[in-house]
Amino acid sequence: MKKYFAALTTTALIGAAPYAIAASNVDLTVKGLITPVACTPTLSSGGVIDLGKISSQDLNRESNTMVGSREIQLVVTCSAPAKFALNPIDNRDGTSIADWFGLGLTDDGQRLGYFSTKVKQVKDGVTSLDAIRSSNGGSSWVKTTDAEAGYLLSVATIGSTTPVDAEVVTFDFEVNTYIARADSLTLDNEVTIDGSATFEVKYL
């Protein structure tokens, strides 16, 4: 009996050896945290910047043209102090000519241009804060003056790069809109400037 057991055990070990590297099962873990705090973002002017009609004759032929610079406020109101970040999403992804938010395409599929969002000032109530951003989902942060897709945007005390609890945060944005060089566009007919971005609140 002992010999049989030993032989069976050895056979079992040899049979299992080729599969030791690749396990035959894998675990899926679902984790998270439910928070009683809720933060709501709102944009001034209904979140709309209307540049009106722009003559194609006023566009630079061989360089991008800034066709508008506007200030807009984004206010995040939380039910209690909380750490949060904004996740800017480009709703016209793939249409920008730079690392900013796209303006859509012409009828011929040409990229029309982009708009940038610069952080001019940020406050929690009357307390000034620094804007910080993360390119790795919040693992690390650096000071910034930009709000762009692909980076989380949060707030820190002046001189710090660690997100802090905040309750009513006002971001003053400067939105600059650029049209691509005219010689890269077909402008025989009217073309709609159709930029769109979403700012999603994520809790940290």
Protein backbone atom coordinates (compact mmCIF):
# COMPACT_ATOMS: atom_id res chain seq x y z
CA MET A 1 0.00 0.00 0.00
CA LYS A 2 2.79 2.37 0.86
CA LYS A 3 4.55 1.78 -2.47
CA TYR A 4 1.35 2.29 -4.40
CA PHE A 5 0.66 5.50 -2.56
CA ALA A 6 4.15 6.75 -3.24
CA ALA A 7 3.93 5.89 -6.92
CA LEU A 8 0.51 7.47 -7.25
CA THR A 9 1.69 10.59 -5.53
CA THR A 10 4.70 10.86 -7.82
CA THR A 11 2.55 10.36 -10.90
CA ALA A 12 0.18 13.05 -9.72
CA LEU A 13 3.05 15.47 -9.19
CA ILE A 14 4.52 14.80 -12.62
CA GLY A 15 1.12 15.25 -14.22
CA ALA A 16 0.60 18.58 -12.46
CA ALA A 17 4.05 19.96 -13.14
CA PRO A 18 3.43 21.23 -16.72
CA TYR A 19 0.46 23.29 -15.47
CA ALA A 20 2.16 24.87 -12.48
CA ILE A 21 2.83 28.13 -14.36
CA ALA A 22 -0.66 28.56 -15.81
CA ALA A 23 -3.34 28.19 -13.11
CA SER A 24 -6.63 26.61 -14.09
CA ASN A 25 -8.67 29.23 -12.26
CA VAL A 26 -8.64 32.96 -11.65
CA ASP A 27 -10.37 35.15 -9.08
CA LEU A 28 -12.46 38.23 -9.85
CA THR A 29 -12.70 40.69 -6.98
CA VAL A 30 -15.21 43.52 -6.91
CA LYS A 31 -14.27 46.33 -4.53
CA GLY A 32 -15.47 49.84 -3.83
CA LEU A 33 -16.76 52.25 -1.23
CA ILE A 34 -20.20 53.77 -0.95
CA THR A 35 -20.00 57.35 0.27
CA PRO A 36 -22.87 59.43 1.65
CA VAL A 37 -21.32 62.54 0.09
CA ALA A 38 -22.59 63.78 -3.27
CA CYS A 39 -20.85 66.42 -5.40
CA THR A 40 -22.63 68.21 -8.24
CA PRO A 41 -20.83 70.15 -11.00
CA THR A 42 -22.44 73.12 -12.75
CA LEU A 43 -21.16 75.42 -15.49
CA SER A 44 -21.96 79.10 -15.86
CA SER A 45 -23.85 80.26 -18.96
CA GLY A 46 -25.40 76.82 -19.17
CA GLY A 47 -22.04 75.47 -20.27
CA VAL A 48 -22.38 77.09 -23.71
CA ILE A 49 -19.85 79.34 -25.44
CA ASP A 50 -21.34 80.78 -28.61
CA LEU A 51 -18.75 82.26 -30.95
CA GLY A 52 -21.33 83.39 -33.48
CA LYS A 53 -20.51 83.48 -37.19
CA ILE A 54 -16.88 83.67 -38.26
CA SER A 55 -15.89 84.60 -41.80
CA SER A 56 -13.55 82.11 -43.46
CA GLN A 57 -11.76 85.14 -44.90
CA ASP A 58 -10.62 86.06 -41.39
CA LEU A 59 -8.82 82.75 -40.86
CA ASN A 60 -5.05 82.49 -41.19
CA ARG A 61 -4.21 80.51 -44.28
CA GLU A 62 -0.99 78.91 -43.03
CA SER A 63 -1.42 78.85 -39.25
CA ASN A 64 -4.12 78.20 -36.67
CA THR A 65 -6.45 81.08 -35.83
CA MET A 66 -7.74 81.88 -32.34
CA VAL A 67 -11.37 82.76 -32.91
CA GLY A 68 -12.44 83.26 -29.33
CA SER A 69 -11.30 83.53 -25.73
CA ARG A 70 -14.00 83.29 -23.07
CA GLU A 71 -14.09 82.88 -19.30
CA ILE A 72 -16.43 80.35 -17.75
CA GLN A 73 -16.88 79.05 -14.22
CA LEU A 74 -17.28 75.45 -13.15
CA VAL A 75 -18.58 75.07 -9.60
CA VAL A 76 -18.53 71.75 -7.77
CA THR A 77 -20.89 71.74 -4.79
CA CYS A 78 -20.60 68.86 -2.32
CA SER A 79 -23.04 67.95 0.46
CA ALA A 80 -20.04 67.76 2.83
CA PRO A 81 -16.28 68.26 2.47
CA ALA A 82 -14.90 65.55 0.20
CA LYS A 83 -11.90 64.64 -1.90
CA PHE A 84 -12.87 64.57 -5.55
CA ALA A 85 -11.44 64.96 -9.02
CA LEU A 86 -12.87 66.07 -12.32
CA ASN A 87 -12.45 63.73 -15.25
CA PRO A 88 -12.61 65.81 -18.46
CA ILE A 89 -13.97 63.82 -21.40
CA ASP A 90 -13.64 64.92 -25.04
CA ASN A 91 -17.01 64.24 -26.66
CA ARG A 92 -15.42 64.90 -30.07
CA ASP A 93 -12.47 62.62 -29.50
CA GLY A 94 -10.32 62.16 -32.59
CA THR A 95 -11.23 65.49 -34.17
CA SER A 96 -8.68 67.76 -32.46
CA ILE A 97 -5.51 69.00 -34.15
CA ALA A 98 -3.77 69.30 -30.76
CA ASP A 99 -3.81 67.69 -27.31
CA TRP A 100 -7.06 69.43 -26.45
CA PHE A 101 -10.80 69.10 -27.09
CA GLY A 102 -11.90 68.68 -30.69
CA LEU A 103 -14.35 70.87 -32.61
CA GLY A 104 -15.69 68.17 -34.90
CA LEU A 105 -15.08 67.56 -38.59
CA THR A 106 -15.87 69.37 -41.81
CA ASP A 107 -18.15 67.70 -44.37
CA ASP A 108 -14.96 66.38 -46.00
CA GLY A 109 -13.79 64.76 -42.75
CA GLN A 110 -11.13 67.37 -41.96
CA ARG A 111 -10.34 68.19 -38.34
CA LEU A 112 -11.70 71.66 -37.69
CA GLY A 113 -9.60 72.70 -34.72
CA TYR A 114 -9.67 72.57 -30.92
CA PHE A 115 -10.48 74.42 -27.73
CA SER A 116 -8.31 74.55 -24.62
CA THR A 117 -9.41 75.01 -21.00
CA LYS A 118 -6.94 76.85 -18.79
CA VAL A 119 -7.39 77.07 -15.01
CA LYS A 120 -7.00 80.74 -14.09
CA GLN A 121 -8.03 80.44 -10.44
CA VAL A 122 -9.57 77.91 -8.08
CA LYS A 123 -11.16 78.47 -4.66
CA ASP A 124 -13.04 76.56 -1.98
CA GLY A 125 -15.38 79.28 -0.81
CA VAL A 126 -12.98 82.18 -0.29
CA THR A 127 -9.89 80.00 0.24
CA SER A 128 -7.49 79.89 -2.69
CA LEU A 129 -6.28 76.47 -3.78
CA ASP A 130 -3.86 75.02 -6.31
CA ALA A 131 -5.14 72.99 -9.24
CA ILE A 132 -3.41 69.62 -9.55
CA ARG A 133 -3.68 66.87 -12.12
CA SER A 134 -2.91 63.18 -12.40
CA SER A 135 -2.06 61.13 -15.46
CA ASN A 136 -2.22 57.77 -13.66
CA GLY A 137 -5.68 57.64 -12.13
CA GLY A 138 -4.74 59.49 -8.94
CA SER A 139 -1.58 57.62 -7.91
CA SER A 140 0.47 60.81 -8.17
CA TRP A 141 -0.28 64.47 -8.75
CA VAL A 142 1.45 67.60 -10.09
CA LYS A 143 0.48 71.25 -10.09
CA THR A 144 -1.26 72.35 -13.29
CA THR A 145 -3.02 75.17 -15.09
CA ASP A 146 -4.68 72.86 -17.62
CA ALA A 147 -7.91 70.88 -17.67
CA GLU A 148 -7.66 68.36 -20.49
CA ALA A 149 -8.91 64.92 -21.40
CA GLY A 150 -6.84 62.04 -20.10
CA TYR A 151 -5.92 63.77 -16.84
CA LEU A 152 -7.80 63.92 -13.55
CA LEU A 153 -8.13 67.45 -12.16
CA SER A 154 -8.29 68.05 -8.41
CA VAL A 155 -7.39 70.66 -5.80
CA ALA A 156 -4.73 70.99 -3.11
CA THR A 157 -3.69 73.56 -0.55
CA ILE A 158 -1.30 76.17 -1.91
CA GLY A 159 2.13 74.65 -2.45
CA SER A 160 0.92 71.07 -2.03
CA THR A 161 0.14 68.35 -4.57
CA THR A 162 -2.06 66.20 -2.31
CA PRO A 163 -5.83 66.33 -2.90
CA VAL A 164 -7.76 67.90 -0.02
CA ASP A 165 -11.35 67.79 1.16
CA ALA A 166 -13.36 70.65 -0.29
CA GLU A 167 -17.03 71.58 -0.29
CA VAL A 168 -17.83 74.38 -2.75
CA VAL A 169 -15.04 74.64 -5.31
CA THR A 170 -15.05 77.23 -8.08
CA PHE A 171 -12.79 76.74 -11.08
CA ASP A 172 -12.30 79.83 -13.24
CA PHE A 173 -11.57 78.56 -16.74
CA GLU A 174 -10.31 80.45 -19.77
CA VAL A 175 -11.54 78.71 -22.90
CA ASN A 176 -9.57 79.48 -26.06
CA THR A 177 -10.86 78.24 -29.41
CA TYR A 178 -8.64 77.69 -32.45
CA ILE A 179 -9.53 76.88 -36.05
CA ALA A 180 -7.01 74.90 -38.10
CA ARG A 181 -5.05 76.65 -40.84
CA ALA A 182 -7.42 77.54 -43.66
CA ASP A 183 -5.38 75.82 -46.36
CA SER A 184 -6.11 72.48 -44.63
CA LEU A 185 -9.88 72.94 -44.69
CA THR A 186 -12.63 72.91 -47.30
CA LEU A 187 -14.67 76.01 -46.48
CA ASP A 188 -16.89 76.38 -49.55
CA ASN A 189 -19.98 76.02 -47.35
CA GLU A 190 -20.83 76.88 -43.76
CA VAL A 191 -19.13 74.60 -41.25
CA THR A 192 -20.49 74.11 -37.74
CA ILE A 193 -18.11 74.51 -34.80
CA ASP A 194 -19.18 71.59 -32.65
CA GLY A 195 -16.89 71.29 -29.63
CA SER A 196 -18.14 69.42 -26.57
CA ALA A 197 -16.59 68.24 -23.32
CA THR A 198 -17.99 66.56 -20.22
CA PHE A 199 -16.56 67.08 -16.72
CA GLU A 200 -17.30 64.00 -14.63
CA VAL A 201 -16.90 63.98 -10.84
CA LYS A 202 -14.89 61.09 -9.41
CA TYR A 203 -14.52 60.56 -5.67
CA LEU A 204 -11.04 59.97 -4.30
